[in-house]
Amino acid sequence: MRIRRAMRKKPLRRPVKKPRLKRRRLLEQKRRLTTAGYNEEQLLHMNTKQIREAIRAEGV
């Protein structure tokens, strides 16, 4: 059984991450942190990496 051309081009066939979905995920994560006790002022100064770390730490 041979490997066809379409299968060799796998990275080109993968779906592209969309910025709209990324913004939506970030908004959902911020909502989780507000329920965990963070206020809007704290979230305003956090970047995406810090938000993800906070979610892991809180276990939300």
N, C-alpha and C. Protein backbone atom coordinates (compact mmCIF):
# COMPACT_ATOMS: atom_id res chain seq x y z
N MET A 1 0.84 -1.17 0.00
CA MET A 1 0.00 0.00 0.00
C MET A 1 0.89 1.24 0.00
N ARG A 2 0.67 2.11 -0.94
CA ARG A 2 1.53 3.28 -1.05
C ARG A 2 0.96 4.49 -0.31
N ILE A 3 1.86 5.41 0.00
CA ILE A 3 1.45 6.65 0.67
C ILE A 3 1.13 7.67 -0.41
N ARG A 4 -0.08 8.13 -0.40
CA ARG A 4 -0.50 9.06 -1.45
C ARG A 4 -0.03 10.49 -1.16
N ARG A 5 -0.07 11.30 -2.18
CA ARG A 5 0.43 12.67 -2.09
C ARG A 5 -0.33 13.50 -1.04
N ALA A 6 -1.62 13.26 -0.92
CA ALA A 6 -2.42 14.02 0.05
C ALA A 6 -1.97 13.75 1.48
N MET A 7 -1.53 12.55 1.76
CA MET A 7 -1.09 12.20 3.10
C MET A 7 0.30 12.75 3.40
N ARG A 8 1.11 12.97 2.38
CA ARG A 8 2.45 13.52 2.60
C ARG A 8 2.38 15.02 2.91
N LYS A 9 1.27 15.65 2.57
CA LYS A 9 1.14 17.09 2.76
C LYS A 9 0.33 17.39 4.02
N LYS A 10 0.49 16.59 5.04
CA LYS A 10 -0.34 16.70 6.23
C LYS A 10 -0.32 18.08 6.90
N PRO A 11 0.84 18.72 7.10
CA PRO A 11 0.81 20.04 7.75
C PRO A 11 0.00 21.08 6.96
N LEU A 12 -0.06 20.92 5.67
CA LEU A 12 -0.80 21.87 4.85
C LEU A 12 -2.31 21.63 4.94
N ARG A 13 -2.72 20.43 5.34
CA ARG A 13 -4.15 20.11 5.38
C ARG A 13 -4.76 20.37 6.74
N ARG A 14 -3.96 20.68 7.73
CA ARG A 14 -4.50 20.90 9.08
C ARG A 14 -5.30 22.18 9.14
N PRO A 15 -6.34 22.22 9.95
CA PRO A 15 -7.11 23.45 10.06
C PRO A 15 -6.31 24.54 10.78
N VAL A 16 -6.54 25.76 10.38
CA VAL A 16 -5.83 26.91 10.94
C VAL A 16 -6.59 27.40 12.17
N LYS A 17 -5.85 27.72 13.24
CA LYS A 17 -6.50 28.28 14.42
C LYS A 17 -6.99 29.67 14.11
N LYS A 18 -8.20 29.95 14.51
CA LYS A 18 -8.81 31.23 14.16
C LYS A 18 -8.73 32.21 15.33
N PRO A 19 -8.43 33.48 15.04
CA PRO A 19 -8.29 34.47 16.12
C PRO A 19 -9.58 34.68 16.90
N ARG A 20 -10.72 34.54 16.25
CA ARG A 20 -11.99 34.72 16.94
C ARG A 20 -12.17 33.68 18.03
N LEU A 21 -11.83 32.43 17.73
CA LEU A 21 -11.96 31.37 18.73
C LEU A 21 -10.96 31.56 19.86
N LYS A 22 -9.79 32.09 19.54
CA LYS A 22 -8.79 32.35 20.58
C LYS A 22 -9.29 33.42 21.55
N ARG A 23 -9.90 34.49 21.01
CA ARG A 23 -10.46 35.54 21.87
C ARG A 23 -11.58 34.98 22.74
N ARG A 24 -12.38 34.08 22.17
CA ARG A 24 -13.48 33.48 22.92
C ARG A 24 -12.96 32.62 24.07
N ARG A 25 -11.92 31.81 23.80
CA ARG A 25 -11.32 30.99 24.84
C ARG A 25 -10.77 31.86 25.96
N LEU A 26 -10.11 32.94 25.60
CA LEU A 26 -9.53 33.84 26.58
C LEU A 26 -10.63 34.48 27.45
N LEU A 27 -11.73 34.85 26.83
CA LEU A 27 -12.84 35.44 27.56
C LEU A 27 -13.45 34.44 28.55
N GLU A 28 -13.57 33.18 28.12
CA GLU A 28 -14.10 32.14 29.00
C GLU A 28 -13.16 31.90 30.19
N GLN A 29 -11.85 31.93 29.91
CA GLN A 29 -10.88 31.73 30.99
C GLN A 29 -10.94 32.88 31.98
N LYS A 30 -11.12 34.11 31.50
CA LYS A 30 -11.23 35.26 32.40
C LYS A 30 -12.48 35.15 33.25
N ARG A 31 -13.57 34.65 32.68
CA ARG A 31 -14.81 34.47 33.45
C ARG A 31 -14.60 33.44 34.56
N ARG A 32 -13.87 32.38 34.25
CA ARG A 32 -13.59 31.36 35.28
C ARG A 32 -12.79 31.96 36.42
N LEU A 33 -11.82 32.81 36.09
CA LEU A 33 -10.99 33.41 37.13
C LEU A 33 -11.77 34.42 37.97
N THR A 34 -12.74 35.12 37.36
CA THR A 34 -13.55 36.05 38.15
C THR A 34 -14.41 35.29 39.15
N THR A 35 -14.89 34.11 38.76
CA THR A 35 -15.66 33.30 39.72
C THR A 35 -14.75 32.73 40.80
N ALA A 36 -13.45 32.59 40.50
CA ALA A 36 -12.50 32.06 41.48
C ALA A 36 -12.01 33.13 42.45
N GLY A 37 -12.35 34.42 42.19
CA GLY A 37 -11.98 35.45 43.14
C GLY A 37 -11.09 36.55 42.61
N TYR A 38 -10.69 36.48 41.35
CA TYR A 38 -9.88 37.56 40.77
C TYR A 38 -10.81 38.71 40.39
N ASN A 39 -10.32 39.95 40.51
CA ASN A 39 -11.13 41.09 40.09
C ASN A 39 -10.69 41.56 38.70
N GLU A 40 -11.45 42.47 38.13
CA GLU A 40 -11.18 42.95 36.77
C GLU A 40 -9.84 43.66 36.67
N GLU A 41 -9.45 44.38 37.72
CA GLU A 41 -8.18 45.11 37.70
C GLU A 41 -6.99 44.14 37.60
N GLN A 42 -7.07 43.01 38.32
CA GLN A 42 -6.00 42.03 38.26
C GLN A 42 -5.93 41.39 36.87
N LEU A 43 -7.08 41.07 36.31
CA LEU A 43 -7.10 40.42 34.99
C LEU A 43 -6.63 41.35 33.89
N LEU A 44 -6.82 42.64 34.07
CA LEU A 44 -6.40 43.61 33.07
C LEU A 44 -4.89 43.62 32.90
N HIS A 45 -4.16 43.38 33.99
CA HIS A 45 -2.69 43.43 33.94
C HIS A 45 -2.06 42.07 33.66
N MET A 46 -2.86 41.03 33.48
CA MET A 46 -2.31 39.69 33.22
C MET A 46 -2.27 39.44 31.72
N ASN A 47 -1.18 38.77 31.27
CA ASN A 47 -1.15 38.35 29.88
C ASN A 47 -1.71 36.93 29.77
N THR A 48 -1.78 36.40 28.56
CA THR A 48 -2.43 35.11 28.35
C THR A 48 -1.72 33.97 29.08
N LYS A 49 -0.40 34.03 29.13
CA LYS A 49 0.36 32.99 29.81
C LYS A 49 0.06 32.98 31.31
N GLN A 50 -0.02 34.17 31.90
CA GLN A 50 -0.33 34.26 33.32
C GLN A 50 -1.76 33.80 33.61
N ILE A 51 -2.67 34.07 32.70
CA ILE A 51 -4.06 33.63 32.89
C ILE A 51 -4.14 32.12 32.88
N ARG A 52 -3.45 31.48 31.93
CA ARG A 52 -3.45 30.01 31.88
C ARG A 52 -2.83 29.40 33.13
N GLU A 53 -1.73 30.01 33.62
CA GLU A 53 -1.09 29.51 34.83
C GLU A 53 -2.02 29.65 36.04
N ALA A 54 -2.75 30.76 36.10
CA ALA A 54 -3.68 30.98 37.21
C ALA A 54 -4.81 29.97 37.20
N ILE A 55 -5.29 29.63 36.02
CA ILE A 55 -6.35 28.64 35.92
C ILE A 55 -5.86 27.28 36.38
N ARG A 56 -4.63 26.92 36.00
CA ARG A 56 -4.07 25.66 36.47
C ARG A 56 -3.89 25.64 37.98
N ALA A 57 -3.46 26.76 38.53
CA ALA A 57 -3.21 26.84 39.97
C ALA A 57 -4.53 26.77 40.75
N GLU A 58 -5.56 27.42 40.23
CA GLU A 58 -6.85 27.44 40.92
C GLU A 58 -7.61 26.14 40.76
N GLY A 59 -7.32 25.42 39.65
CA GLY A 59 -8.04 24.18 39.38
C GLY A 59 -9.48 24.43 38.95
N VAL A 60 -9.69 25.55 38.28
CA VAL A 60 -11.04 25.93 37.84
C VAL A 60 -11.35 25.25 36.53
